[in-house]
């Protein structure tokens, strides 16, 4: 697990900060998509193909985006729970929170959300809609529910600041065809669902039918 992951309450950020975090997430997604042969952004950004380091490529994409450009070979959109991840309901919600200190998926109906071969996802934050904030500790795992933790965020940092939205210190990326998991820990047994929305983007070839 990366040691650089932590949650940033939205109240601690300016509007410019929020815009920059979203742009950085988009840039990270475009770079990752290009490495997975999704789209052909290397043909769109001058000098991109000669860059050998990931951070150099991301910075080049950010500068290109700030110039008012957008990729023509990649579509970027918000995620759809049902269509993209096979959730039972096209909504962001957990199962019923039946027991304290139990982890529940935020992808309703599936413990191992998996994208198809031509999509990747980048998550940059989380919003908890449910009153009383019954969940804490958002955990992301690679290769499924028992896989290695790739990022973890202490949502109680939001509770202490009376915030419901937080941004991630660095983006979390889902690559194509690989199972992942996203879970939250129940801090209150409410016997009801919790609405926990991961904030992010889907990257896919331009013109892909997504609904």
N, C-alpha and C. Protein backbone atom coordinates (compact mmCIF):
# COMPACT_ATOMS: atom_id res chain seq x y z
N UNK A 1 0.84 -1.19 0.00
CA UNK A 1 0.00 0.00 0.00
C UNK A 1 0.87 1.24 0.00
N UNK A 2 0.47 2.23 -0.77
CA UNK A 2 1.19 3.48 -0.78
C UNK A 2 1.09 4.18 0.57
N UNK A 3 2.18 4.80 1.01
CA UNK A 3 2.17 5.53 2.28
C UNK A 3 1.76 6.97 2.11
N UNK A 4 1.37 7.34 0.89
CA UNK A 4 1.03 8.74 0.60
C UNK A 4 -0.47 8.95 0.51
N UNK A 5 -1.27 7.99 0.92
CA UNK A 5 -2.71 8.13 0.80
C UNK A 5 -3.33 8.66 2.08
N UNK A 6 -4.07 9.74 1.94
CA UNK A 6 -4.82 10.30 3.06
C UNK A 6 -5.97 11.11 2.49
N UNK A 7 -6.95 11.37 3.33
CA UNK A 7 -8.15 12.08 2.90
C UNK A 7 -8.00 13.57 3.19
N UNK A 8 -8.52 14.40 2.29
CA UNK A 8 -8.46 15.85 2.45
C UNK A 8 -9.89 16.37 2.50
N UNK A 9 -10.37 16.85 3.64
CA UNK A 9 -11.74 17.38 3.70
C UNK A 9 -11.93 18.53 2.73
N UNK A 10 -13.07 18.54 2.04
CA UNK A 10 -13.28 19.54 1.00
C UNK A 10 -13.27 20.96 1.58
N UNK A 11 -13.65 21.09 2.85
CA UNK A 11 -13.63 22.41 3.47
C UNK A 11 -12.24 22.98 3.65
N UNK A 12 -11.22 22.13 3.52
CA UNK A 12 -9.83 22.58 3.63
C UNK A 12 -9.26 22.98 2.28
N UNK A 13 -10.08 22.88 1.23
CA UNK A 13 -9.61 23.13 -0.13
C UNK A 13 -10.31 24.35 -0.73
N UNK A 14 -9.59 25.08 -1.55
CA UNK A 14 -10.20 26.16 -2.32
C UNK A 14 -10.86 25.56 -3.56
N UNK A 15 -11.67 26.35 -4.26
CA UNK A 15 -12.26 25.88 -5.51
C UNK A 15 -11.18 25.56 -6.54
N UNK A 16 -10.10 26.33 -6.51
CA UNK A 16 -8.98 26.07 -7.41
C UNK A 16 -8.32 24.74 -7.07
N UNK A 17 -8.16 24.47 -5.77
CA UNK A 17 -7.61 23.18 -5.35
C UNK A 17 -8.45 22.03 -5.90
N UNK A 18 -9.76 22.15 -5.76
CA UNK A 18 -10.65 21.08 -6.22
C UNK A 18 -10.54 20.88 -7.73
N UNK A 19 -10.50 21.98 -8.46
CA UNK A 19 -10.36 21.90 -9.91
C UNK A 19 -9.03 21.23 -10.28
N UNK A 20 -7.97 21.60 -9.58
CA UNK A 20 -6.65 21.02 -9.87
C UNK A 20 -6.62 19.52 -9.57
N UNK A 21 -7.26 19.10 -8.47
CA UNK A 21 -7.28 17.67 -8.14
C UNK A 21 -8.03 16.89 -9.20
N UNK A 22 -9.13 17.43 -9.68
CA UNK A 22 -9.87 16.75 -10.74
C UNK A 22 -9.05 16.70 -12.04
N UNK A 23 -8.37 17.80 -12.35
CA UNK A 23 -7.54 17.81 -13.56
C UNK A 23 -6.40 16.81 -13.44
N UNK A 24 -5.79 16.74 -12.25
CA UNK A 24 -4.70 15.78 -12.05
C UNK A 24 -5.21 14.35 -12.20
N UNK A 25 -6.44 14.09 -11.72
CA UNK A 25 -7.03 12.76 -11.86
C UNK A 25 -7.29 12.45 -13.33
N UNK A 26 -7.79 13.43 -14.08
CA UNK A 26 -8.02 13.23 -15.51
C UNK A 26 -6.71 12.97 -16.23
N UNK A 27 -5.68 13.73 -15.89
CA UNK A 27 -4.37 13.53 -16.52
C UNK A 27 -3.81 12.15 -16.22
N UNK A 28 -3.94 11.72 -14.95
CA UNK A 28 -3.47 10.38 -14.58
C UNK A 28 -4.23 9.31 -15.34
N UNK A 29 -5.53 9.53 -15.54
CA UNK A 29 -6.34 8.57 -16.28
C UNK A 29 -5.98 8.51 -17.75
N UNK A 30 -5.76 9.67 -18.35
CA UNK A 30 -5.37 9.71 -19.76
C UNK A 30 -4.03 9.00 -19.95
N UNK A 31 -3.09 9.27 -19.04
CA UNK A 31 -1.77 8.63 -19.14
C UNK A 31 -1.89 7.13 -19.01
N UNK A 32 -2.68 6.67 -18.03
CA UNK A 32 -2.83 5.23 -17.81
C UNK A 32 -3.55 4.59 -19.00
N UNK A 33 -4.59 5.25 -19.49
CA UNK A 33 -5.31 4.73 -20.66
C UNK A 33 -4.39 4.58 -21.86
N UNK A 34 -3.51 5.56 -22.07
CA UNK A 34 -2.60 5.49 -23.21
C UNK A 34 -1.64 4.31 -23.07
N UNK A 35 -1.22 4.02 -21.83
CA UNK A 35 -0.33 2.87 -21.60
C UNK A 35 -1.05 1.55 -21.86
N UNK A 36 -2.37 1.55 -21.70
CA UNK A 36 -3.17 0.35 -21.94
C UNK A 36 -3.74 0.31 -23.36
N UNK A 37 -3.25 1.19 -24.22
CA UNK A 37 -3.66 1.24 -25.63
C UNK A 37 -5.15 1.60 -25.78
N UNK A 38 -5.65 2.38 -24.83
CA UNK A 38 -7.01 2.92 -24.94
C UNK A 38 -6.87 4.32 -25.52
N UNK A 39 -7.32 4.50 -26.75
CA UNK A 39 -7.12 5.76 -27.43
C UNK A 39 -5.70 5.89 -27.95
N UNK A 40 -5.40 7.05 -28.54
CA UNK A 40 -4.06 7.28 -29.12
C UNK A 40 -3.60 8.70 -28.80
N UNK A 41 -3.58 9.00 -27.50
CA UNK A 41 -3.25 10.37 -27.09
C UNK A 41 -1.82 10.74 -27.48
N UNK A 42 -0.96 9.75 -27.66
CA UNK A 42 0.43 10.06 -28.04
C UNK A 42 0.48 10.75 -29.41
N UNK A 43 -0.56 10.55 -30.22
CA UNK A 43 -0.62 11.23 -31.52
C UNK A 43 -1.19 12.63 -31.41
N UNK A 44 -1.74 12.97 -30.25
CA UNK A 44 -2.42 14.26 -30.09
C UNK A 44 -1.59 15.29 -29.34
N UNK A 45 -0.67 14.84 -28.50
CA UNK A 45 0.14 15.77 -27.69
C UNK A 45 1.56 15.82 -28.24
N UNK A 46 2.00 16.96 -28.71
CA UNK A 46 3.34 17.07 -29.29
C UNK A 46 4.43 16.64 -28.29
N UNK A 47 5.32 15.77 -28.73
CA UNK A 47 6.45 15.33 -27.92
C UNK A 47 6.13 14.28 -26.89
N UNK A 48 4.87 13.86 -26.81
CA UNK A 48 4.46 12.91 -25.77
C UNK A 48 5.17 11.57 -25.92
N UNK A 49 5.32 11.12 -27.16
CA UNK A 49 5.84 9.77 -27.40
C UNK A 49 7.29 9.59 -26.97
N UNK A 50 8.03 10.67 -26.77
CA UNK A 50 9.44 10.54 -26.38
C UNK A 50 9.63 10.59 -24.87
N UNK A 51 8.55 10.85 -24.12
CA UNK A 51 8.65 10.93 -22.67
C UNK A 51 8.70 9.52 -22.09
N UNK A 52 9.67 9.26 -21.21
CA UNK A 52 9.87 7.91 -20.70
C UNK A 52 9.38 7.71 -19.27
N UNK A 53 9.15 8.79 -18.53
CA UNK A 53 8.73 8.68 -17.14
C UNK A 53 7.26 9.04 -17.00
N UNK A 54 6.56 8.28 -16.15
CA UNK A 54 5.12 8.50 -15.97
C UNK A 54 4.82 9.92 -15.53
N UNK A 55 5.58 10.44 -14.57
CA UNK A 55 5.31 11.78 -14.06
C UNK A 55 5.51 12.83 -15.14
N UNK A 56 6.50 12.62 -16.00
CA UNK A 56 6.70 13.55 -17.12
C UNK A 56 5.49 13.54 -18.06
N UNK A 57 4.98 12.35 -18.32
CA UNK A 57 3.81 12.25 -19.21
C UNK A 57 2.59 12.93 -18.59
N UNK A 58 2.39 12.72 -17.29
CA UNK A 58 1.25 13.33 -16.61
C UNK A 58 1.36 14.85 -16.64
N UNK A 59 2.53 15.38 -16.36
CA UNK A 59 2.72 16.83 -16.39
C UNK A 59 2.51 17.40 -17.79
N UNK A 60 2.92 16.65 -18.80
CA UNK A 60 2.70 17.10 -20.18
C UNK A 60 1.21 17.13 -20.51
N UNK A 61 0.47 16.14 -20.01
CA UNK A 61 -0.97 16.10 -20.24
C UNK A 61 -1.65 17.26 -19.52
N UNK A 62 -1.24 17.54 -18.27
CA UNK A 62 -1.82 18.65 -17.52
C UNK A 62 -1.62 19.98 -18.27
N UNK A 63 -0.40 20.21 -18.75
CA UNK A 63 -0.12 21.44 -19.49
C UNK A 63 -0.97 21.52 -20.76
N UNK A 64 -1.15 20.38 -21.41
CA UNK A 64 -1.96 20.31 -22.63
C UNK A 64 -3.43 20.59 -22.33
N UNK A 65 -3.94 20.02 -21.23
CA UNK A 65 -5.33 20.26 -20.83
C UNK A 65 -5.54 21.73 -20.47
N UNK A 66 -4.58 22.30 -19.76
CA UNK A 66 -4.70 23.71 -19.36
C UNK A 66 -4.68 24.63 -20.57
N UNK A 67 -4.19 24.13 -21.69
CA UNK A 67 -4.22 24.91 -22.93
C UNK A 67 -5.56 24.84 -23.64
N UNK A 68 -6.53 24.20 -22.99
CA UNK A 68 -7.87 24.13 -23.55
C UNK A 68 -8.11 22.91 -24.43
N UNK A 69 -7.20 21.95 -24.39
CA UNK A 69 -7.32 20.76 -25.23
C UNK A 69 -8.02 19.63 -24.49
N UNK A 70 -8.63 18.73 -25.26
CA UNK A 70 -9.19 17.49 -24.75
C UNK A 70 -8.88 16.39 -25.76
N UNK A 71 -8.66 15.16 -25.30
CA UNK A 71 -8.35 14.08 -26.25
C UNK A 71 -9.55 13.78 -27.14
N UNK A 72 -9.29 13.54 -28.42
CA UNK A 72 -10.35 13.17 -29.35
C UNK A 72 -10.48 11.65 -29.46
N UNK A 73 -9.48 10.91 -28.99
CA UNK A 73 -9.49 9.45 -29.11
C UNK A 73 -9.99 8.76 -27.85
N UNK A 74 -10.21 9.53 -26.78
CA UNK A 74 -10.66 8.96 -25.50
C UNK A 74 -11.88 9.74 -25.02
N UNK A 75 -12.91 9.02 -24.62
CA UNK A 75 -14.05 9.63 -23.94
C UNK A 75 -13.82 9.57 -22.44
N UNK A 76 -14.15 10.66 -21.77
CA UNK A 76 -14.00 10.75 -20.31
C UNK A 76 -15.36 11.10 -19.74
N UNK A 77 -15.85 10.28 -18.82
CA UNK A 77 -17.18 10.49 -18.27
C UNK A 77 -17.21 10.02 -16.82
N UNK A 78 -18.31 10.34 -16.15
CA UNK A 78 -18.48 9.86 -14.78
C UNK A 78 -18.90 8.39 -14.78
N UNK A 79 -18.55 7.64 -13.76
CA UNK A 79 -18.84 6.20 -13.72
C UNK A 79 -20.33 5.90 -13.57
N UNK A 80 -20.74 4.75 -14.11
CA UNK A 80 -22.10 4.25 -13.97
C UNK A 80 -22.03 2.91 -13.22
N UNK A 81 -22.58 2.82 -12.03
CA UNK A 81 -22.45 1.60 -11.22
C UNK A 81 -22.89 0.32 -11.93
N UNK A 82 -24.05 0.38 -12.59
CA UNK A 82 -24.60 -0.82 -13.24
C UNK A 82 -23.83 -1.18 -14.50
N UNK A 83 -23.69 -0.24 -15.39
CA UNK A 83 -23.09 -0.51 -16.69
C UNK A 83 -21.60 -0.82 -16.59
N UNK A 84 -20.87 -0.06 -15.78
CA UNK A 84 -19.42 -0.22 -15.72
C UNK A 84 -18.96 -1.35 -14.82
N UNK A 85 -19.67 -1.56 -13.70
CA UNK A 85 -19.16 -2.48 -12.68
C UNK A 85 -20.08 -3.65 -12.37
N UNK A 86 -21.21 -3.71 -13.04
CA UNK A 86 -22.11 -4.84 -12.81
C UNK A 86 -22.84 -4.79 -11.49
N UNK A 87 -23.06 -3.60 -10.94
CA UNK A 87 -23.81 -3.48 -9.69
C UNK A 87 -25.28 -3.88 -9.93
N UNK A 88 -25.95 -4.27 -8.87
CA UNK A 88 -27.34 -4.68 -8.98
C UNK A 88 -28.25 -3.49 -9.26
N UNK A 89 -27.96 -2.37 -8.62
CA UNK A 89 -28.75 -1.15 -8.76
C UNK A 89 -27.83 -0.07 -9.32
N UNK A 90 -28.34 0.76 -10.22
CA UNK A 90 -27.52 1.81 -10.81
C UNK A 90 -27.45 3.01 -9.87
N UNK A 91 -26.88 2.76 -8.71
CA UNK A 91 -26.82 3.76 -7.65
C UNK A 91 -25.63 3.38 -6.76
N UNK A 92 -25.07 4.36 -6.07
CA UNK A 92 -23.95 4.09 -5.17
C UNK A 92 -24.49 3.84 -3.77
N UNK A 93 -24.43 2.61 -3.32
CA UNK A 93 -24.90 2.29 -1.98
C UNK A 93 -24.27 0.98 -1.50
N UNK A 94 -24.20 0.85 -0.19
CA UNK A 94 -23.69 -0.38 0.43
C UNK A 94 -24.86 -1.34 0.66
N UNK A 95 -24.55 -2.58 1.03
CA UNK A 95 -25.62 -3.43 1.58
C UNK A 95 -26.07 -2.86 2.94
N UNK A 96 -27.06 -3.48 3.53
CA UNK A 96 -27.52 -3.09 4.86
C UNK A 96 -26.37 -3.22 5.86
N UNK A 97 -26.15 -2.17 6.64
CA UNK A 97 -25.08 -2.19 7.65
C UNK A 97 -25.60 -2.91 8.89
N UNK A 98 -25.32 -4.22 8.96
CA UNK A 98 -25.91 -5.06 10.01
C UNK A 98 -25.04 -5.17 11.26
N UNK A 99 -23.72 -4.95 11.11
CA UNK A 99 -22.83 -5.17 12.26
C UNK A 99 -21.70 -4.16 12.26
N UNK A 100 -21.38 -3.67 13.44
CA UNK A 100 -20.26 -2.74 13.61
C UNK A 100 -18.95 -3.47 13.33
N UNK A 101 -17.99 -2.73 12.80
CA UNK A 101 -16.64 -3.24 12.54
C UNK A 101 -16.62 -4.31 11.44
N UNK A 102 -17.63 -4.28 10.57
CA UNK A 102 -17.69 -5.15 9.41
C UNK A 102 -17.54 -4.30 8.15
N UNK A 103 -16.83 -4.84 7.16
CA UNK A 103 -16.59 -4.09 5.92
C UNK A 103 -17.63 -4.46 4.87
N UNK A 104 -18.19 -3.42 4.23
CA UNK A 104 -19.23 -3.61 3.23
C UNK A 104 -18.81 -2.95 1.91
N UNK A 105 -19.12 -3.63 0.80
CA UNK A 105 -18.78 -3.08 -0.51
C UNK A 105 -19.58 -1.81 -0.79
N UNK A 106 -18.95 -0.87 -1.48
CA UNK A 106 -19.67 0.33 -1.93
C UNK A 106 -20.23 0.12 -3.34
N UNK A 107 -19.91 -1.04 -3.95
CA UNK A 107 -20.42 -1.41 -5.26
C UNK A 107 -21.54 -2.42 -5.04
N UNK A 108 -22.77 -1.94 -4.88
CA UNK A 108 -23.86 -2.80 -4.47
C UNK A 108 -24.00 -4.01 -5.39
N UNK A 109 -24.13 -5.18 -4.79
CA UNK A 109 -24.36 -6.40 -5.55
C UNK A 109 -23.11 -7.09 -6.04
N UNK A 110 -21.94 -6.49 -5.87
CA UNK A 110 -20.70 -7.15 -6.27
C UNK A 110 -19.57 -6.79 -5.32
N UNK A 111 -18.83 -7.81 -4.90
CA UNK A 111 -17.67 -7.59 -4.03
C UNK A 111 -16.41 -7.35 -4.85
N UNK A 112 -16.47 -7.65 -6.16
CA UNK A 112 -15.27 -7.54 -7.01
C UNK A 112 -15.59 -6.78 -8.30
N UNK A 113 -15.80 -5.48 -8.23
CA UNK A 113 -16.09 -4.71 -9.43
C UNK A 113 -14.95 -4.83 -10.44
N UNK A 114 -15.31 -5.11 -11.70
CA UNK A 114 -14.31 -5.35 -12.74
C UNK A 114 -14.73 -4.63 -14.02
N UNK A 115 -13.83 -3.85 -14.57
CA UNK A 115 -14.09 -3.14 -15.82
C UNK A 115 -13.81 -4.05 -17.01
N UNK A 116 -14.40 -3.70 -18.16
CA UNK A 116 -14.12 -4.50 -19.35
C UNK A 116 -12.76 -4.14 -19.93
N UNK A 117 -12.42 -4.73 -21.06
CA UNK A 117 -11.07 -4.65 -21.60
C UNK A 117 -10.70 -3.28 -22.17
N UNK A 118 -11.67 -2.41 -22.38
CA UNK A 118 -11.36 -1.11 -22.98
C UNK A 118 -11.75 0.06 -22.07
N UNK A 119 -11.82 -0.19 -20.77
CA UNK A 119 -12.12 0.89 -19.83
C UNK A 119 -11.14 0.85 -18.66
N UNK A 120 -10.79 2.03 -18.18
CA UNK A 120 -10.10 2.14 -16.90
C UNK A 120 -10.80 3.24 -16.11
N UNK A 121 -10.58 3.24 -14.80
CA UNK A 121 -11.23 4.21 -13.92
C UNK A 121 -10.21 4.88 -13.03
N UNK A 122 -10.45 6.14 -12.72
CA UNK A 122 -9.62 6.87 -11.76
C UNK A 122 -10.54 7.51 -10.73
N UNK A 123 -10.27 7.25 -9.47
CA UNK A 123 -11.05 7.81 -8.36
C UNK A 123 -10.23 8.91 -7.68
N UNK A 124 -10.87 10.05 -7.44
CA UNK A 124 -10.14 11.16 -6.82
C UNK A 124 -10.74 11.61 -5.49
N UNK A 125 -11.91 11.04 -5.10
CA UNK A 125 -12.50 11.45 -3.84
C UNK A 125 -13.71 10.61 -3.50
N UNK A 126 -14.38 10.97 -2.41
CA UNK A 126 -15.54 10.21 -1.95
C UNK A 126 -16.52 11.16 -1.28
N UNK A 127 -17.82 10.85 -1.43
CA UNK A 127 -18.87 11.62 -0.76
C UNK A 127 -19.77 10.65 -0.01
N UNK A 128 -20.09 10.99 1.23
CA UNK A 128 -20.99 10.16 2.04
C UNK A 128 -22.28 10.94 2.22
N UNK A 129 -23.34 10.42 1.62
CA UNK A 129 -24.63 11.13 1.62
C UNK A 129 -25.44 10.83 2.88
N UNK A 130 -25.25 9.66 3.48
CA UNK A 130 -26.11 9.19 4.57
C UNK A 130 -25.89 10.00 5.85
N UNK A 131 -26.98 10.49 6.42
CA UNK A 131 -26.91 11.26 7.67
C UNK A 131 -26.37 10.40 8.80
N UNK A 132 -25.64 11.03 9.70
CA UNK A 132 -25.08 10.31 10.84
C UNK A 132 -23.74 9.67 10.57
N UNK A 133 -23.34 9.67 9.30
CA UNK A 133 -22.04 9.17 8.87
C UNK A 133 -21.74 7.80 9.51
N UNK A 134 -22.48 6.76 9.08
CA UNK A 134 -22.36 5.45 9.72
C UNK A 134 -21.15 4.63 9.30
N UNK A 135 -20.30 5.16 8.41
CA UNK A 135 -19.17 4.37 7.91
C UNK A 135 -17.85 5.10 8.13
N UNK A 136 -16.78 4.31 8.12
CA UNK A 136 -15.44 4.87 8.21
C UNK A 136 -14.48 3.96 7.46
N UNK A 137 -13.28 4.39 7.28
CA UNK A 137 -12.20 3.65 6.64
C UNK A 137 -12.60 3.04 5.28
N UNK A 138 -12.37 3.82 4.26
CA UNK A 138 -12.56 3.37 2.88
C UNK A 138 -11.30 2.65 2.44
N UNK A 139 -11.45 1.38 2.03
CA UNK A 139 -10.31 0.55 1.64
C UNK A 139 -10.45 0.09 0.20
N UNK A 140 -9.40 0.30 -0.58
CA UNK A 140 -9.35 -0.16 -1.97
C UNK A 140 -8.37 -1.32 -2.06
N UNK A 141 -8.79 -2.41 -2.71
CA UNK A 141 -7.93 -3.58 -2.89
C UNK A 141 -7.85 -3.96 -4.36
N UNK A 142 -6.71 -4.48 -4.73
CA UNK A 142 -6.47 -4.96 -6.09
C UNK A 142 -6.57 -6.48 -6.13
N UNK A 143 -7.12 -7.01 -7.18
CA UNK A 143 -7.35 -8.44 -7.42
C UNK A 143 -8.47 -9.00 -6.56
N UNK A 144 -9.36 -8.14 -6.06
CA UNK A 144 -10.55 -8.62 -5.39
C UNK A 144 -10.61 -8.36 -3.90
N UNK A 145 -11.64 -8.93 -3.28
CA UNK A 145 -11.96 -8.62 -1.89
C UNK A 145 -10.87 -9.04 -0.90
N UNK A 146 -10.07 -10.03 -1.28
CA UNK A 146 -8.98 -10.48 -0.40
C UNK A 146 -7.62 -10.07 -0.93
N UNK A 147 -7.61 -9.15 -1.90
CA UNK A 147 -6.36 -8.74 -2.53
C UNK A 147 -5.56 -7.74 -1.69
N UNK A 148 -4.45 -7.34 -2.25
CA UNK A 148 -3.58 -6.38 -1.57
C UNK A 148 -4.23 -5.00 -1.50
N UNK A 149 -4.08 -4.35 -0.37
CA UNK A 149 -4.59 -2.98 -0.21
C UNK A 149 -3.72 -2.03 -1.03
N UNK A 150 -4.38 -1.25 -1.91
CA UNK A 150 -3.64 -0.28 -2.71
C UNK A 150 -3.81 1.14 -2.19
N UNK A 151 -4.85 1.37 -1.40
CA UNK A 151 -5.07 2.69 -0.79
C UNK A 151 -6.10 2.55 0.32
N UNK A 152 -5.96 3.39 1.34
CA UNK A 152 -6.89 3.37 2.46
C UNK A 152 -7.06 4.78 3.00
N UNK A 153 -8.30 5.14 3.29
CA UNK A 153 -8.60 6.51 3.70
C UNK A 153 -9.46 6.50 4.96
N UNK A 154 -9.05 7.27 5.94
CA UNK A 154 -9.75 7.35 7.22
C UNK A 154 -10.86 8.39 7.12
N UNK A 155 -12.09 7.94 6.91
CA UNK A 155 -13.21 8.86 6.73
C UNK A 155 -13.60 9.58 8.01
N UNK A 156 -13.12 9.12 9.15
CA UNK A 156 -13.41 9.82 10.40
C UNK A 156 -12.77 11.20 10.43
N UNK A 157 -11.76 11.41 9.57
CA UNK A 157 -11.21 12.76 9.43
C UNK A 157 -12.27 13.72 8.90
N UNK A 158 -13.20 13.19 8.11
CA UNK A 158 -14.30 14.03 7.62
C UNK A 158 -15.32 14.28 8.73
N UNK A 159 -15.62 13.23 9.49
CA UNK A 159 -16.60 13.36 10.57
C UNK A 159 -16.17 14.44 11.55
N UNK A 160 -14.90 14.43 11.91
CA UNK A 160 -14.39 15.39 12.90
C UNK A 160 -14.49 16.83 12.42
N UNK A 161 -14.54 17.01 11.10
CA UNK A 161 -14.65 18.36 10.54
C UNK A 161 -16.06 18.67 10.02
N UNK A 162 -17.00 17.77 10.31
CA UNK A 162 -18.38 17.94 9.87
C UNK A 162 -18.48 18.10 8.36
N UNK A 163 -17.69 17.31 7.66
CA UNK A 163 -17.68 17.31 6.20
C UNK A 163 -18.23 15.99 5.69
N UNK A 164 -18.80 16.00 4.51
CA UNK A 164 -19.28 14.76 3.89
C UNK A 164 -18.53 14.41 2.62
N UNK A 165 -17.63 15.28 2.19
CA UNK A 165 -16.87 15.07 0.95
C UNK A 165 -15.39 15.20 1.25
N UNK A 166 -14.60 14.28 0.70
CA UNK A 166 -13.16 14.35 0.84
C UNK A 166 -12.47 13.98 -0.46
N UNK A 167 -11.32 14.59 -0.69
CA UNK A 167 -10.51 14.28 -1.87
C UNK A 167 -9.33 13.40 -1.45
N UNK A 168 -8.89 12.54 -2.36
CA UNK A 168 -7.77 11.65 -2.08
C UNK A 168 -6.45 12.38 -2.34
N UNK A 169 -5.47 12.10 -1.52
CA UNK A 169 -4.16 12.73 -1.70
C UNK A 169 -3.54 12.36 -3.04
N UNK A 170 -3.86 11.18 -3.54
CA UNK A 170 -3.45 10.79 -4.89
C UNK A 170 -4.52 9.88 -5.48
N UNK A 171 -4.67 9.87 -6.79
CA UNK A 171 -5.75 9.10 -7.41
C UNK A 171 -5.58 7.59 -7.20
N UNK A 172 -6.71 6.89 -7.22
CA UNK A 172 -6.74 5.43 -7.19
C UNK A 172 -7.19 4.97 -8.58
N UNK A 173 -6.43 4.05 -9.18
CA UNK A 173 -6.69 3.63 -10.56
C UNK A 173 -7.15 2.19 -10.62
N UNK A 174 -8.22 1.96 -11.38
CA UNK A 174 -8.68 0.60 -11.73
C UNK A 174 -8.25 0.34 -13.17
N UNK A 175 -7.54 -0.74 -13.40
CA UNK A 175 -7.17 -1.07 -14.77
C UNK A 175 -8.16 -2.05 -15.39
N UNK A 176 -8.15 -2.20 -16.71
CA UNK A 176 -9.13 -3.07 -17.37
C UNK A 176 -9.01 -4.53 -16.93
N UNK A 177 -10.14 -5.22 -16.85
CA UNK A 177 -10.32 -6.67 -16.64
C UNK A 177 -9.80 -7.21 -15.30
N UNK A 178 -9.28 -6.35 -14.46
CA UNK A 178 -8.74 -6.82 -13.17
C UNK A 178 -9.77 -6.56 -12.07
N UNK A 179 -10.10 -7.58 -11.26
CA UNK A 179 -11.06 -7.35 -10.18
C UNK A 179 -10.46 -6.48 -9.07
N UNK A 180 -11.26 -5.62 -8.52
CA UNK A 180 -10.87 -4.76 -7.41
C UNK A 180 -11.92 -4.89 -6.31
N UNK A 181 -11.73 -4.16 -5.24
CA UNK A 181 -12.81 -4.00 -4.26
C UNK A 181 -12.70 -2.62 -3.63
N UNK A 182 -13.85 -2.09 -3.26
CA UNK A 182 -13.92 -0.84 -2.51
C UNK A 182 -14.89 -1.05 -1.37
N UNK A 183 -14.40 -0.96 -0.14
CA UNK A 183 -15.25 -1.25 1.01
C UNK A 183 -15.15 -0.14 2.05
N UNK A 184 -16.19 -0.03 2.86
CA UNK A 184 -16.18 0.87 4.01
C UNK A 184 -16.50 0.07 5.27
N UNK A 185 -15.96 0.52 6.37
CA UNK A 185 -16.20 -0.13 7.66
C UNK A 185 -17.42 0.48 8.32
N UNK A 186 -18.33 -0.36 8.80
CA UNK A 186 -19.51 0.15 9.52
C UNK A 186 -19.10 0.56 10.93
N UNK A 187 -19.34 1.82 11.25
CA UNK A 187 -19.08 2.29 12.62
C UNK A 187 -20.35 2.35 13.45
N UNK A 188 -21.50 2.24 12.75
CA UNK A 188 -22.81 2.20 13.40
C UNK A 188 -23.65 1.14 12.68
N UNK A 189 -24.24 0.24 13.43
CA UNK A 189 -25.12 -0.77 12.83
C UNK A 189 -26.51 -0.16 12.67
N UNK A 190 -26.81 0.32 11.48
CA UNK A 190 -28.06 1.05 11.25
C UNK A 190 -29.19 0.16 10.75
N UNK A 191 -28.86 -1.06 10.31
CA UNK A 191 -29.83 -1.95 9.65
C UNK A 191 -30.42 -1.29 8.40
N UNK A 192 -29.64 -0.41 7.79
CA UNK A 192 -30.04 0.26 6.55
C UNK A 192 -28.80 0.41 5.67
N UNK A 193 -29.03 0.72 4.40
CA UNK A 193 -27.91 0.95 3.50
C UNK A 193 -27.24 2.28 3.83
N UNK A 194 -26.03 2.46 3.31
CA UNK A 194 -25.36 3.76 3.36
C UNK A 194 -25.05 4.17 1.93
N UNK A 195 -25.23 5.43 1.65
CA UNK A 195 -24.93 5.94 0.31
C UNK A 195 -23.52 6.55 0.33
N UNK A 196 -22.61 5.84 -0.31
CA UNK A 196 -21.20 6.24 -0.36
C UNK A 196 -20.81 6.32 -1.84
N UNK A 197 -20.56 7.53 -2.31
CA UNK A 197 -20.29 7.74 -3.73
C UNK A 197 -18.80 7.99 -3.96
N UNK A 198 -18.13 7.06 -4.66
CA UNK A 198 -16.75 7.35 -5.06
C UNK A 198 -16.77 8.34 -6.22
N UNK A 199 -15.95 9.36 -6.16
CA UNK A 199 -15.92 10.39 -7.20
C UNK A 199 -14.78 10.08 -8.16
N UNK A 200 -15.09 9.99 -9.43
CA UNK A 200 -14.04 9.63 -10.37
C UNK A 200 -14.48 9.76 -11.81
N UNK A 201 -13.69 9.14 -12.70
CA UNK A 201 -13.93 9.20 -14.13
C UNK A 201 -13.66 7.84 -14.77
N UNK A 202 -14.39 7.56 -15.83
CA UNK A 202 -14.14 6.41 -16.68
C UNK A 202 -13.46 6.90 -17.96
N UNK A 203 -12.49 6.14 -18.44
CA UNK A 203 -11.77 6.45 -19.68
C UNK A 203 -11.97 5.28 -20.64
N UNK A 204 -12.44 5.58 -21.84
CA UNK A 204 -12.72 4.54 -22.83
C UNK A 204 -12.53 5.11 -24.23
N UNK A 205 -12.41 4.24 -25.24
CA UNK A 205 -12.23 4.75 -26.61
C UNK A 205 -13.37 5.67 -27.02
N UNK A 206 -13.08 6.70 -27.75
CA UNK A 206 -14.10 7.66 -28.18
C UNK A 206 -15.19 6.94 -28.96
N UNK A 207 -16.44 7.31 -28.65
CA UNK A 207 -17.57 6.73 -29.35
C UNK A 207 -18.09 5.45 -28.77
N UNK A 208 -17.53 5.00 -27.66
CA UNK A 208 -17.98 3.77 -27.03
C UNK A 208 -19.42 3.93 -26.52
N UNK A 209 -20.27 2.93 -26.75
CA UNK A 209 -21.62 2.96 -26.21
C UNK A 209 -21.55 2.62 -24.73
N UNK A 210 -22.03 3.51 -23.88
CA UNK A 210 -21.88 3.29 -22.43
C UNK A 210 -23.20 3.24 -21.69
N UNK A 211 -24.33 3.20 -22.38
CA UNK A 211 -25.60 3.13 -21.69
C UNK A 211 -26.62 2.42 -22.56
